[in-house]
C-alpha cells in the first residue's frame, strides 16, 4: 500500500500458503532430527502440531505412532493409529500396516 492510499491490498493467499508450507516443512525436519536424537517426546510434540495443520499427512501419522510406541506409550500409539486409519478412510485410501517402533 502506498503512503496516503486509502485502500489496503488483501494479503496474498499464495504468500500465506507458502508460509504454511514452510512451517510444515520445518516441523517435519524438527521431528526427524528429534527422532534421530532419540527424543521421542519432542518428536511427538512436533508431529502432533504438524497434524493439527495437516490431518491427512500419512507419513506424519505413521511417524507419530512409531515415536509413541518407542516411548512406551502403547495405548496412545494405538489410538493415534486408529485416528490415522479414519483419516485415510475419509480419502478412500488403504491405510498402511501398524508401523514397527524401529
Foldseek 3Di string as FASTA:
>chain_A
DDVPDDDDDDPDPVVVVVVLVVLLVVLVVQLVVCVVVVNLVSNLVSLVVSCVVPVQPQVSLLSNLLSCVSVVVNVVSVVSVVSNCVSCVVVVHHHDDRDHND
